[in-house]
Amino acid sequence: MDAHLLQAENAHPDELDEEFDTFPTSLLIDVVRMRCDRLRSVVGRVQTVVGDLATQGKRTLAILSWRDPRATAIFIILALIWVVFVSKLPSVPVNLFKILQSKSHMLL
């Protein structure tokens, strides 16, 4: 494959050094610790974003699964009408949606 298509020439030297490192590593423990810390910070950010998405999904399911099926159907119809006729949502409905419970307390 062409290396120009892969953007391999734009790789940071530290990334290339990490790719071609032997197993077990021949690097200093400080370099390995720095790489692990960098990986931990990236994984922490990814975990935060996935957690936020899961919370929004739980809130959506909670608002769409009421005990009364007629109330759920009426809400869905009104929400669809709202989306069709309003181009920009005001901040009040968005704030209302954000303060809804996510049912995470039911996991215990």
PDB file of N, CA and C in Angstrom:
ATOM      1  N   MET A   1       0.834  -1.171   0.000  1.00  0.00           N
ATOM      2  CA  MET A   1       0.000   0.000   0.000  1.00  0.00           C
ATOM      3  C   MET A   1       0.888   1.247   0.000  1.00  0.00           C
ATOM      4  N   ASP A   2       0.401   2.290  -0.556  1.00  0.00           N
ATOM      5  CA  ASP A   2       1.163   3.527  -0.652  1.00  0.00           C
ATOM      6  C   ASP A   2       1.226   4.215   0.710  1.00  0.00           C
ATOM      7  N   ALA A   3       2.427   4.531   1.170  1.00  0.00           N
ATOM      8  CA  ALA A   3       2.599   5.163   2.485  1.00  0.00           C
ATOM      9  C   ALA A   3       2.020   6.568   2.505  1.00  0.00           C
ATOM     10  N   HIS A   4       1.926   7.212   1.354  1.00  0.00           N
ATOM     11  CA  HIS A   4       1.359   8.564   1.313  1.00  0.00           C
ATOM     12  C   HIS A   4      -0.143   8.535   1.603  1.00  0.00           C
ATOM     13  N   LEU A   5      -0.812   7.461   1.210  1.00  0.00           N
ATOM     14  CA  LEU A   5      -2.247   7.347   1.513  1.00  0.00           C
ATOM     15  C   LEU A   5      -2.468   7.123   2.987  1.00  0.00           C
ATOM     16  N   LEU A   6      -1.548   6.473   3.673  1.00  0.00           N
ATOM     17  CA  LEU A   6      -1.716   6.162   5.091  1.00  0.00           C
ATOM     18  C   LEU A   6      -1.267   7.294   6.003  1.00  0.00           C
ATOM     19  N   GLN A   7      -0.661   8.321   5.441  1.00  0.00           N
ATOM     20  CA  GLN A   7      -0.141   9.439   6.228  1.00  0.00           C
ATOM     21  C   GLN A   7       0.919   8.960   7.222  1.00  0.00           C
ATOM     22  N   ALA A   8       1.688   7.940   6.848  1.00  0.00           N
ATOM     23  CA  ALA A   8       2.707   7.390   7.743  1.00  0.00           C
ATOM     24  C   ALA A   8       3.848   8.372   7.962  1.00  0.00           C
ATOM     25  N   GLU A   9       4.089   9.237   6.984  1.00  0.00           N
ATOM     26  CA  GLU A   9       5.184  10.192   7.154  1.00  0.00           C
ATOM     27  C   GLU A   9       4.837  11.279   8.175  1.00  0.00           C
ATOM     28  N   ASN A  10       3.575  11.406   8.547  1.00  0.00           N
ATOM     29  CA  ASN A  10       3.161  12.408   9.530  1.00  0.00           C
ATOM     30  C   ASN A  10       3.159  11.868  10.961  1.00  0.00           C
ATOM     31  N   ALA A  11       3.549  10.623  11.141  1.00  0.00           N
ATOM     32  CA  ALA A  11       3.546  10.021  12.470  1.00  0.00           C
ATOM     33  C   ALA A  11       4.630  10.651  13.339  1.00  0.00           C
ATOM     34  N   HIS A  12       4.303  10.806  14.602  1.00  0.00           N
ATOM     35  CA  HIS A  12       5.257  11.341  15.577  1.00  0.00           C
ATOM     36  C   HIS A  12       6.336  10.284  15.837  1.00  0.00           C
ATOM     37  N   PRO A  13       7.599  10.692  16.007  1.00  0.00           N
ATOM     38  CA  PRO A  13       8.664   9.709  16.257  1.00  0.00           C
ATOM     39  C   PRO A  13       8.409   8.832  17.474  1.00  0.00           C
ATOM     40  N   ASP A  14       7.754   9.369  18.488  1.00  0.00           N
ATOM     41  CA  ASP A  14       7.435   8.568  19.670  1.00  0.00           C
ATOM     42  C   ASP A  14       6.440   7.460  19.330  1.00  0.00           C
ATOM     43  N   GLU A  15       5.500   7.761  18.438  1.00  0.00           N
ATOM     44  CA  GLU A  15       4.532   6.745  18.021  1.00  0.00           C
ATOM     45  C   GLU A  15       5.212   5.637  17.228  1.00  0.00           C
ATOM     46  N   LEU A  16       6.143   6.014  16.362  1.00  0.00           N
ATOM     47  CA  LEU A  16       6.880   4.999  15.601  1.00  0.00           C
ATOM     48  C   LEU A  16       7.752   4.157  16.525  1.00  0.00           C
ATOM     49  N   ASP A  17       8.373   4.793  17.506  1.00  0.00           N
ATOM     50  CA  ASP A  17       9.194   4.070  18.466  1.00  0.00           C
ATOM     51  C   ASP A  17       8.345   3.079  19.254  1.00  0.00           C
ATOM     52  N   GLU A  18       7.129   3.471  19.574  1.00  0.00           N
ATOM     53  CA  GLU A  18       6.226   2.588  20.302  1.00  0.00           C
ATOM     54  C   GLU A  18       5.803   1.399  19.435  1.00  0.00           C
ATOM     55  N   GLU A  19       5.575   1.635  18.156  1.00  0.00           N
ATOM     56  CA  GLU A  19       5.168   0.559  17.251  1.00  0.00           C
ATOM     57  C   GLU A  19       6.251  -0.498  17.072  1.00  0.00           C
ATOM     58  N   PHE A  20       7.486  -0.060  16.979  1.00  0.00           N
ATOM     59  CA  PHE A  20       8.577  -0.990  16.695  1.00  0.00           C
ATOM     60  C   PHE A  20       9.330  -1.428  17.944  1.00  0.00           C
ATOM     61  N   ASP A  21       8.763  -1.205  19.111  1.00  0.00           N
ATOM     62  CA  ASP A  21       9.382  -1.641  20.355  1.00  0.00           C
ATOM     63  C   ASP A  21       9.252  -3.157  20.478  1.00  0.00           C
ATOM     64  N   THR A  22      10.249  -3.775  21.107  1.00  0.00           N
ATOM     65  CA  THR A  22      10.236  -5.232  21.256  1.00  0.00           C
ATOM     66  C   THR A  22       9.385  -5.629  22.450  1.00  0.00           C
ATOM     67  N   PHE A  23       9.122  -6.924  22.556  1.00  0.00           N
ATOM     68  CA  PHE A  23       8.419  -7.446  23.726  1.00  0.00           C
ATOM     69  C   PHE A  23       9.308  -8.458  24.413  1.00  0.00           C
ATOM     70  N   PRO A  24       9.607  -8.363  25.630  1.00  0.00           N
ATOM     71  CA  PRO A  24       9.338  -7.267  26.564  1.00  0.00           C
ATOM     72  C   PRO A  24      10.093  -6.010  26.164  1.00  0.00           C
ATOM     73  N   THR A  25       9.600  -4.917  26.637  1.00  0.00           N
ATOM     74  CA  THR A  25      10.110  -3.624  26.202  1.00  0.00           C
ATOM     75  C   THR A  25      11.567  -3.428  26.574  1.00  0.00           C
ATOM     76  N   SER A  26      12.237  -2.693  25.714  1.00  0.00           N
ATOM     77  CA  SER A  26      13.639  -2.369  25.975  1.00  0.00           C
ATOM     78  C   SER A  26      13.805  -0.910  26.380  1.00  0.00           C
ATOM     79  N   LEU A  27      12.689  -0.239  26.639  1.00  0.00           N
ATOM     80  CA  LEU A  27      12.725   1.182  26.990  1.00  0.00           C
ATOM     81  C   LEU A  27      12.796   1.376  28.492  1.00  0.00           C
ATOM     82  N   LEU A  28      13.082   2.605  28.878  1.00  0.00           N
ATOM     83  CA  LEU A  28      13.114   2.952  30.294  1.00  0.00           C
ATOM     84  C   LEU A  28      11.700   2.923  30.865  1.00  0.00           C
ATOM     85  N   ILE A  29      11.616   2.649  32.149  1.00  0.00           N
ATOM     86  CA  ILE A  29      10.306   2.554  32.800  1.00  0.00           C
ATOM     87  C   ILE A  29       9.558   3.888  32.762  1.00  0.00           C
ATOM     88  N   ASP A  30      10.280   5.008  32.756  1.00  0.00           N
ATOM     89  CA  ASP A  30       9.627   6.318  32.703  1.00  0.00           C
ATOM     90  C   ASP A  30       8.906   6.528  31.375  1.00  0.00           C
ATOM     91  N   VAL A  31       9.483   6.047  30.296  1.00  0.00           N
ATOM     92  CA  VAL A  31       8.844   6.183  28.974  1.00  0.00           C
ATOM     93  C   VAL A  31       7.588   5.324  28.916  1.00  0.00           C
ATOM     94  N   VAL A  32       7.675   4.125  29.449  1.00  0.00           N
ATOM     95  CA  VAL A  32       6.522   3.231  29.468  1.00  0.00           C
ATOM     96  C   VAL A  32       5.419   3.813  30.345  1.00  0.00           C
ATOM     97  N   ARG A  33       5.796   4.377  31.484  1.00  0.00           N
ATOM     98  CA  ARG A  33       4.820   4.989  32.383  1.00  0.00           C
ATOM     99  C   ARG A  33       4.134   6.180  31.712  1.00  0.00           C
ATOM    100  N   MET A  34       4.906   6.987  30.962  1.00  0.00           N
ATOM    101  CA  MET A  34       4.328   8.131  30.259  1.00  0.00           C
ATOM    102  C   MET A  34       3.313   7.667  29.219  1.00  0.00           C
ATOM    103  N   ARG A  35       3.640   6.607  28.498  1.00  0.00           N
ATOM    104  CA  ARG A  35       2.712   6.082  27.485  1.00  0.00           C
ATOM    105  C   ARG A  35       1.449   5.525  28.134  1.00  0.00           C
ATOM    106  N   CYS A  36       1.607   4.852  29.247  1.00  0.00           N
ATOM    107  CA  CYS A  36       0.438   4.322  29.951  1.00  0.00           C
ATOM    108  C   CYS A  36      -0.446   5.449  30.471  1.00  0.00           C
ATOM    109  N   ASP A  37       0.159   6.498  30.994  1.00  0.00           N
ATOM    110  CA  ASP A  37      -0.614   7.651  31.461  1.00  0.00           C
ATOM    111  C   ASP A  37      -1.358   8.323  30.322  1.00  0.00           C
ATOM    112  N   ARG A  38      -0.701   8.434  29.170  1.00  0.00           N
ATOM    113  CA  ARG A  38      -1.347   9.026  27.999  1.00  0.00           C
ATOM    114  C   ARG A  38      -2.544   8.170  27.564  1.00  0.00           C
ATOM    115  N   LEU A  39      -2.351   6.863  27.549  1.00  0.00           N
ATOM    116  CA  LEU A  39      -3.431   5.953  27.183  1.00  0.00           C
ATOM    117  C   LEU A  39      -4.572   6.026  28.192  1.00  0.00           C
ATOM    118  N   ARG A  40      -4.242   6.113  29.482  1.00  0.00           N
ATOM    119  CA  ARG A  40      -5.269   6.234  30.517  1.00  0.00           C
ATOM    120  C   ARG A  40      -6.105   7.493  30.344  1.00  0.00           C
ATOM    121  N   SER A  41      -5.452   8.606  29.982  1.00  0.00           N
ATOM    122  CA  SER A  41      -6.201   9.847  29.816  1.00  0.00           C
ATOM    123  C   SER A  41      -7.134   9.779  28.609  1.00  0.00           C
ATOM    124  N   VAL A  42      -6.684   9.157  27.524  1.00  0.00           N
ATOM    125  CA  VAL A  42      -7.548   9.015  26.345  1.00  0.00           C
ATOM    126  C   VAL A  42      -8.732   8.105  26.660  1.00  0.00           C
ATOM    127  N   VAL A  43      -8.468   6.992  27.320  1.00  0.00           N
ATOM    128  CA  VAL A  43      -9.534   6.054  27.667  1.00  0.00           C
ATOM    129  C   VAL A  43     -10.513   6.706  28.646  1.00  0.00           C
ATOM    130  N   GLY A  44     -10.024   7.522  29.554  1.00  0.00           N
ATOM    131  CA  GLY A  44     -10.918   8.222  30.478  1.00  0.00           C
ATOM    132  C   GLY A  44     -11.851   9.171  29.756  1.00  0.00           C
ATOM    133  N   ARG A  45     -11.329   9.892  28.752  1.00  0.00           N
ATOM    134  CA  ARG A  45     -12.189  10.785  27.976  1.00  0.00           C
ATOM    135  C   ARG A  45     -13.227  10.007  27.176  1.00  0.00           C
ATOM    136  N   VAL A  46     -12.802   8.888  26.582  1.00  0.00           N
ATOM    137  CA  VAL A  46     -13.746   8.060  25.821  1.00  0.00           C
ATOM    138  C   VAL A  46     -14.831   7.516  26.747  1.00  0.00           C
ATOM    139  N   GLN A  47     -14.451   7.083  27.935  1.00  0.00           N
ATOM    140  CA  GLN A  47     -15.410   6.542  28.887  1.00  0.00           C
ATOM    141  C   GLN A  47     -16.411   7.613  29.325  1.00  0.00           C
ATOM    142  N   THR A  48     -15.955   8.836  29.484  1.00  0.00           N
ATOM    143  CA  THR A  48     -16.856   9.922  29.853  1.00  0.00           C
ATOM    144  C   THR A  48     -17.880  10.186  28.760  1.00  0.00           C
ATOM    145  N   VAL A  49     -17.426  10.214  27.516  1.00  0.00           N
ATOM    146  CA  VAL A  49     -18.350  10.462  26.402  1.00  0.00           C
ATOM    147  C   VAL A  49     -19.353   9.324  26.265  1.00  0.00           C
ATOM    148  N   VAL A  50     -18.896   8.083  26.379  1.00  0.00           N
ATOM    149  CA  VAL A  50     -19.804   6.941  26.278  1.00  0.00           C
ATOM    150  C   VAL A  50     -20.800   6.949  27.432  1.00  0.00           C
ATOM    151  N   GLY A  51     -20.358   7.327  28.619  1.00  0.00           N
ATOM    152  CA  GLY A  51     -21.270   7.438  29.757  1.00  0.00           C
ATOM    153  C   GLY A  51     -22.325   8.499  29.545  1.00  0.00           C
ATOM    154  N   ASP A  52     -21.928   9.644  28.977  1.00  0.00           N
ATOM    155  CA  ASP A  52     -22.907  10.695  28.676  1.00  0.00           C
ATOM    156  C   ASP A  52     -23.921  10.224  27.647  1.00  0.00           C
ATOM    157  N   LEU A  53     -23.458   9.519  26.623  1.00  0.00           N
ATOM    158  CA  LEU A  53     -24.387   8.991  25.619  1.00  0.00           C
ATOM    159  C   LEU A  53     -25.341   7.964  26.224  1.00  0.00           C
ATOM    160  N   ALA A  54     -24.843   7.117  27.104  1.00  0.00           N
ATOM    161  CA  ALA A  54     -25.694   6.123  27.756  1.00  0.00           C
ATOM    162  C   ALA A  54     -26.746   6.794  28.635  1.00  0.00           C
ATOM    163  N   THR A  55     -26.355   7.861  29.322  1.00  0.00           N
ATOM    164  CA  THR A  55     -27.307   8.587  30.163  1.00  0.00           C
ATOM    165  C   THR A  55     -28.405   9.209  29.319  1.00  0.00           C
ATOM    166  N   GLN A  56     -28.043   9.804  28.188  1.00  0.00           N
ATOM    167  CA  GLN A  56     -29.057  10.388  27.308  1.00  0.00           C
ATOM    168  C   GLN A  56     -29.975   9.301  26.746  1.00  0.00           C
ATOM    169  N   GLY A  57     -29.415   8.135  26.435  1.00  0.00           N
ATOM    170  CA  GLY A  57     -30.242   7.029  25.959  1.00  0.00           C
ATOM    171  C   GLY A  57     -31.217   6.543  27.019  1.00  0.00           C
ATOM    172  N   LYS A  58     -30.767   6.458  28.270  1.00  0.00           N
ATOM    173  CA  LYS A  58     -31.655   6.058  29.357  1.00  0.00           C
ATOM    174  C   LYS A  58     -32.766   7.076  29.553  1.00  0.00           C
ATOM    175  N   ARG A  59     -32.426   8.346  29.449  1.00  0.00           N
ATOM    176  CA  ARG A  59     -33.453   9.383  29.587  1.00  0.00           C
ATOM    177  C   ARG A  59     -34.471   9.300  28.463  1.00  0.00           C
ATOM    178  N   THR A  60     -33.998   9.027  27.250  1.00  0.00           N
ATOM    179  CA  THR A  60     -34.922   8.894  26.126  1.00  0.00           C
ATOM    180  C   THR A  60     -35.846   7.700  26.325  1.00  0.00           C
ATOM    181  N   LEU A  61     -35.295   6.573  26.758  1.00  0.00           N
ATOM    182  CA  LEU A  61     -36.143   5.412  27.021  1.00  0.00           C
ATOM    183  C   LEU A  61     -37.122   5.669  28.160  1.00  0.00           C
ATOM    184  N   ALA A  62     -36.684   6.395  29.172  1.00  0.00           N
ATOM    185  CA  ALA A  62     -37.570   6.684  30.301  1.00  0.00           C
ATOM    186  C   ALA A  62     -38.732   7.565  29.875  1.00  0.00           C
ATOM    187  N   ILE A  63     -38.470   8.511  28.985  1.00  0.00           N
ATOM    188  CA  ILE A  63     -39.550   9.410  28.578  1.00  0.00           C
ATOM    189  C   ILE A  63     -40.475   8.746  27.565  1.00  0.00           C
ATOM    190  N   LEU A  64     -39.989   7.692  26.900  1.00  0.00           N
ATOM    191  CA  LEU A  64     -40.813   7.000  25.911  1.00  0.00           C
ATOM    192  C   LEU A  64     -41.461   5.727  26.440  1.00  0.00           C
ATOM    193  N   SER A  65     -41.273   5.410  27.696  1.00  0.00           N
ATOM    194  CA  SER A  65     -41.860   4.178  28.240  1.00  0.00           C
ATOM    195  C   SER A  65     -42.639   4.475  29.517  1.00  0.00           C
ATOM    196  N   TRP A  66     -43.686   5.231  29.365  1.00  0.00           N
ATOM    197  CA  TRP A  66     -44.550   5.512  30.500  1.00  0.00           C
ATOM    198  C   TRP A  66     -45.457   4.318  30.757  1.00  0.00           C
ATOM    199  N   ARG A  67     -46.111   4.326  31.904  1.00  0.00           N
ATOM    200  CA  ARG A  67     -47.001   3.211  32.244  1.00  0.00           C
ATOM    201  C   ARG A  67     -48.262   3.216  31.384  1.00  0.00           C
ATOM    202  N   ASP A  68     -48.710   4.397  31.006  1.00  0.00           N
ATOM    203  CA  ASP A  68     -49.915   4.506  30.186  1.00  0.00           C
ATOM    204  C   ASP A  68     -49.500   4.594  28.718  1.00  0.00           C
ATOM    205  N   PRO A  69     -49.815   3.601  27.903  1.00  0.00           N
ATOM    206  CA  PRO A  69     -49.399   3.626  26.496  1.00  0.00           C
ATOM    207  C   PRO A  69     -50.021   4.784  25.712  1.00  0.00           C
ATOM    208  N   ARG A  70     -51.227   5.215  26.122  1.00  0.00           N
ATOM    209  CA  ARG A  70     -51.853   6.348  25.425  1.00  0.00           C
ATOM    210  C   ARG A  70     -51.073   7.625  25.664  1.00  0.00           C
ATOM    211  N   ALA A  71     -50.586   7.817  26.889  1.00  0.00           N
ATOM    212  CA  ALA A  71     -49.801   9.021  27.190  1.00  0.00           C
ATOM    213  C   ALA A  71     -48.487   9.008  26.406  1.00  0.00           C
ATOM    214  N   THR A  72     -47.890   7.830  26.280  1.00  0.00           N
ATOM    215  CA  THR A  72     -46.657   7.721  25.489  1.00  0.00           C
ATOM    216  C   THR A  72     -46.923   8.061  24.033  1.00  0.00           C
ATOM    217  N   ALA A  73     -48.004   7.539  23.480  1.00  0.00           N
ATOM    218  CA  ALA A  73     -48.340   7.815  22.082  1.00  0.00           C
ATOM    219  C   ALA A  73     -48.638   9.301  21.870  1.00  0.00           C
ATOM    220  N   ILE A  74     -49.373   9.911  22.781  1.00  0.00           N
ATOM    221  CA  ILE A  74     -49.677  11.348  22.665  1.00  0.00           C
ATOM    222  C   ILE A  74     -48.396  12.162  22.730  1.00  0.00           C
ATOM    223  N   PHE A  75     -47.503  11.801  23.651  1.00  0.00           N
ATOM    224  CA  PHE A  75     -46.241  12.532  23.763  1.00  0.00           C
ATOM    225  C   PHE A  75     -45.417  12.413  22.485  1.00  0.00           C
ATOM    226  N   ILE A  76     -45.337  11.210  21.927  1.00  0.00           N
ATOM    227  CA  ILE A  76     -44.555  11.018  20.707  1.00  0.00           C
ATOM    228  C   ILE A  76     -45.132  11.816  19.554  1.00  0.00           C
ATOM    229  N   ILE A  77     -46.442  11.822  19.426  1.00  0.00           N
ATOM    230  CA  ILE A  77     -47.085  12.597  18.354  1.00  0.00           C
ATOM    231  C   ILE A  77     -46.817  14.080  18.537  1.00  0.00           C
ATOM    232  N   LEU A  78     -46.979  14.579  19.760  1.00  0.00           N
ATOM    233  CA  LEU A  78     -46.706  16.004  20.010  1.00  0.00           C
ATOM    234  C   LEU A  78     -45.239  16.347  19.779  1.00  0.00           C
ATOM    235  N   ALA A  79     -44.338  15.439  20.137  1.00  0.00           N
ATOM    236  CA  ALA A  79     -42.908  15.688  19.903  1.00  0.00           C
ATOM    237  C   ALA A  79     -42.602  15.733  18.414  1.00  0.00           C
ATOM    238  N   LEU A  80     -43.211  14.845  17.637  1.00  0.00           N
ATOM    239  CA  LEU A  80     -42.994  14.865  16.184  1.00  0.00           C
ATOM    240  C   LEU A  80     -43.545  16.144  15.562  1.00  0.00           C
ATOM    241  N   ILE A  81     -44.726  16.574  16.019  1.00  0.00           N
ATOM    242  CA  ILE A  81     -45.287  17.836  15.523  1.00  0.00           C
ATOM    243  C   ILE A  81     -44.374  18.993  15.887  1.00  0.00           C
ATOM    244  N   TRP A  82     -43.844  18.966  17.104  1.00  0.00           N
ATOM    245  CA  TRP A  82     -42.934  20.018  17.560  1.00  0.00           C
ATOM    246  C   TRP A  82     -41.680  20.084  16.679  1.00  0.00           C
ATOM    247  N   VAL A  83     -41.130  18.912  16.358  1.00  0.00           N
ATOM    248  CA  VAL A  83     -39.912  18.862  15.543  1.00  0.00           C
ATOM    249  C   VAL A  83     -40.188  19.331  14.119  1.00  0.00           C
ATOM    250  N   VAL A  84     -41.341  18.979  13.585  1.00  0.00           N
ATOM    251  CA  VAL A  84     -41.650  19.340  12.201  1.00  0.00           C
ATOM    252  C   VAL A  84     -41.870  20.838  12.060  1.00  0.00           C
ATOM    253  N   PHE A  85     -42.573  21.450  12.997  1.00  0.00           N
ATOM    254  CA  PHE A  85     -42.964  22.848  12.838  1.00  0.00           C
ATOM    255  C   PHE A  85     -42.026  23.859  13.486  1.00  0.00           C
ATOM    256  N   VAL A  86     -41.130  23.423  14.315  1.00  0.00           N
ATOM    257  CA  VAL A  86     -40.209  24.345  14.974  1.00  0.00           C
ATOM    258  C   VAL A  86     -38.807  24.042  14.475  1.00  0.00           C
ATOM    259  N   SER A  87     -38.144  25.041  13.936  1.00  0.00           N
ATOM    260  CA  SER A  87     -36.820  24.796  13.370  1.00  0.00           C
ATOM    261  C   SER A  87     -35.726  24.764  14.434  1.00  0.00           C
ATOM    262  N   LYS A  88     -35.840  25.594  15.465  1.00  0.00           N
ATOM    263  CA  LYS A  88     -34.824  25.624  16.512  1.00  0.00           C
ATOM    264  C   LYS A  88     -35.498  25.460  17.862  1.00  0.00           C
ATOM    265  N   LEU A  89     -35.040  24.468  18.618  1.00  0.00           N
ATOM    266  CA  LEU A  89     -35.639  24.241  19.932  1.00  0.00           C
ATOM    267  C   LEU A  89     -35.185  25.318  20.907  1.00  0.00           C
ATOM    268  N   PRO A  90     -36.111  25.874  21.639  1.00  0.00           N
ATOM    269  CA  PRO A  90     -35.685  26.825  22.679  1.00  0.00           C
ATOM    270  C   PRO A  90     -34.991  26.086  23.820  1.00  0.00           C
ATOM    271  N   SER A  91     -34.375  26.829  24.670  1.00  0.00           N
ATOM    272  CA  SER A  91     -33.579  26.207  25.724  1.00  0.00           C
ATOM    273  C   SER A  91     -34.433  25.547  26.807  1.00  0.00           C
ATOM    274  N   VAL A  92     -35.685  25.938  26.968  1.00  0.00           N
ATOM    275  CA  VAL A  92     -36.512  25.373  28.031  1.00  0.00           C
ATOM    276  C   VAL A  92     -36.751  23.875  27.829  1.00  0.00           C
ATOM    277  N   PRO A  93     -37.173  23.400  26.656  1.00  0.00           N
ATOM    278  CA  PRO A  93     -37.353  21.949  26.510  1.00  0.00           C
ATOM    279  C   PRO A  93     -36.048  21.168  26.634  1.00  0.00           C
ATOM    280  N   VAL A  94     -34.972  21.726  26.148  1.00  0.00           N
ATOM    281  CA  VAL A  94     -33.683  21.043  26.260  1.00  0.00           C
ATOM    282  C   VAL A  94     -33.289  20.925  27.726  1.00  0.00           C
ATOM    283  N   ASN A  95     -33.463  21.990  28.478  1.00  0.00           N
ATOM    284  CA  ASN A  95     -33.140  21.947  29.905  1.00  0.00           C
ATOM    285  C   ASN A  95     -34.052  20.983  30.656  1.00  0.00           C
ATOM    286  N   LEU A  96     -35.323  20.932  30.266  1.00  0.00           N
ATOM    287  CA  LEU A  96     -36.245  20.001  30.901  1.00  0.00           C
ATOM    288  C   LEU A  96     -35.807  18.562  30.648  1.00  0.00           C
ATOM    289  N   PHE A  97     -35.380  18.276  29.418  1.00  0.00           N
ATOM    290  CA  PHE A  97     -34.936  16.931  29.081  1.00  0.00           C
ATOM    291  C   PHE A  97     -33.678  16.563  29.855  1.00  0.00           C
ATOM    292  N   LYS A  98     -32.800  17.511  30.092  1.00  0.00           N
ATOM    293  CA  LYS A  98     -31.544  17.216  30.781  1.00  0.00           C
ATOM    294  C   LYS A  98     -31.727  16.949  32.273  1.00  0.00           C
ATOM    295  N   ILE A  99     -32.787  17.491  32.877  1.00  0.00           N
ATOM    296  CA  ILE A  99     -32.960  17.277  34.307  1.00  0.00           C
ATOM    297  C   ILE A  99     -33.777  16.035  34.617  1.00  0.00           C
ATOM    298  N   LEU A 100     -34.270  15.338  33.596  1.00  0.00           N
ATOM    299  CA  LEU A 100     -35.013  14.111  33.841  1.00  0.00           C
ATOM    300  C   LEU A 100     -34.100  13.047  34.421  1.00  0.00           C
ATOM    301  N   GLN A 101     -34.682  12.172  35.219  1.00  0.00           N
ATOM    302  CA  GLN A 101     -33.895  11.101  35.813  1.00  0.00           C
ATOM    303  C   GLN A 101     -33.550  10.074  34.750  1.00  0.00           C
ATOM    304  N   SER A 102     -32.416   9.410  34.923  1.00  0.00           N
ATOM    305  CA  SER A 102     -31.968   8.438  33.937  1.00  0.00           C
ATOM    306  C   SER A 102     -32.238   6.990  34.383  1.00  0.00           C
ATOM    307  N   LYS A 103     -32.939   6.786  35.453  1.00  0.00           N
ATOM    308  CA  LYS A 103     -33.229   5.477  36.009  1.00  0.00           C
ATOM    309  C   LYS A 103     -31.976   4.720  36.446  1.00  0.00           C
ATOM    310  N   SER A 104     -30.878   5.427  36.639  1.00  0.00           N
ATOM    311  CA  SER A 104     -29.660   4.759  37.100  1.00  0.00           C
ATOM    312  C   SER A 104     -29.776   4.336  38.551  1.00  0.00           C
ATOM    313  N   HIS A 105     -30.700   4.955  39.293  1.00  0.00           N
ATOM    314  CA  HIS A 105     -30.887   4.578  40.687  1.00  0.00           C
ATOM    315  C   HIS A 105     -31.561   3.210  40.806  1.00  0.00           C
ATOM    316  N   MET A 106     -32.144   2.715  39.729  1.00  0.00           N
ATOM    317  CA  MET A 106     -32.825   1.413  39.769  1.00  0.00           C
ATOM    318  C   MET A 106     -31.847   0.254  39.603  1.00  0.00           C
ATOM    319  N   LEU A 107     -30.581   0.548  39.300  1.00  0.00           N
ATOM    320  CA  LEU A 107     -29.600  -0.517  39.124  1.00  0.00           C
ATOM    321  C   LEU A 107     -29.212  -1.173  40.445  1.00  0.00           C
ATOM    322  N   LEU A 108     -29.403  -0.476  41.545  1.00  0.00           N
ATOM    323  CA  LEU A 108     -28.992  -1.011  42.844  1.00  0.00           C
ATOM    324  C   LEU A 108     -29.921  -2.044  43.375  1.00  0.00           C
TER     325      LEU A 108
END
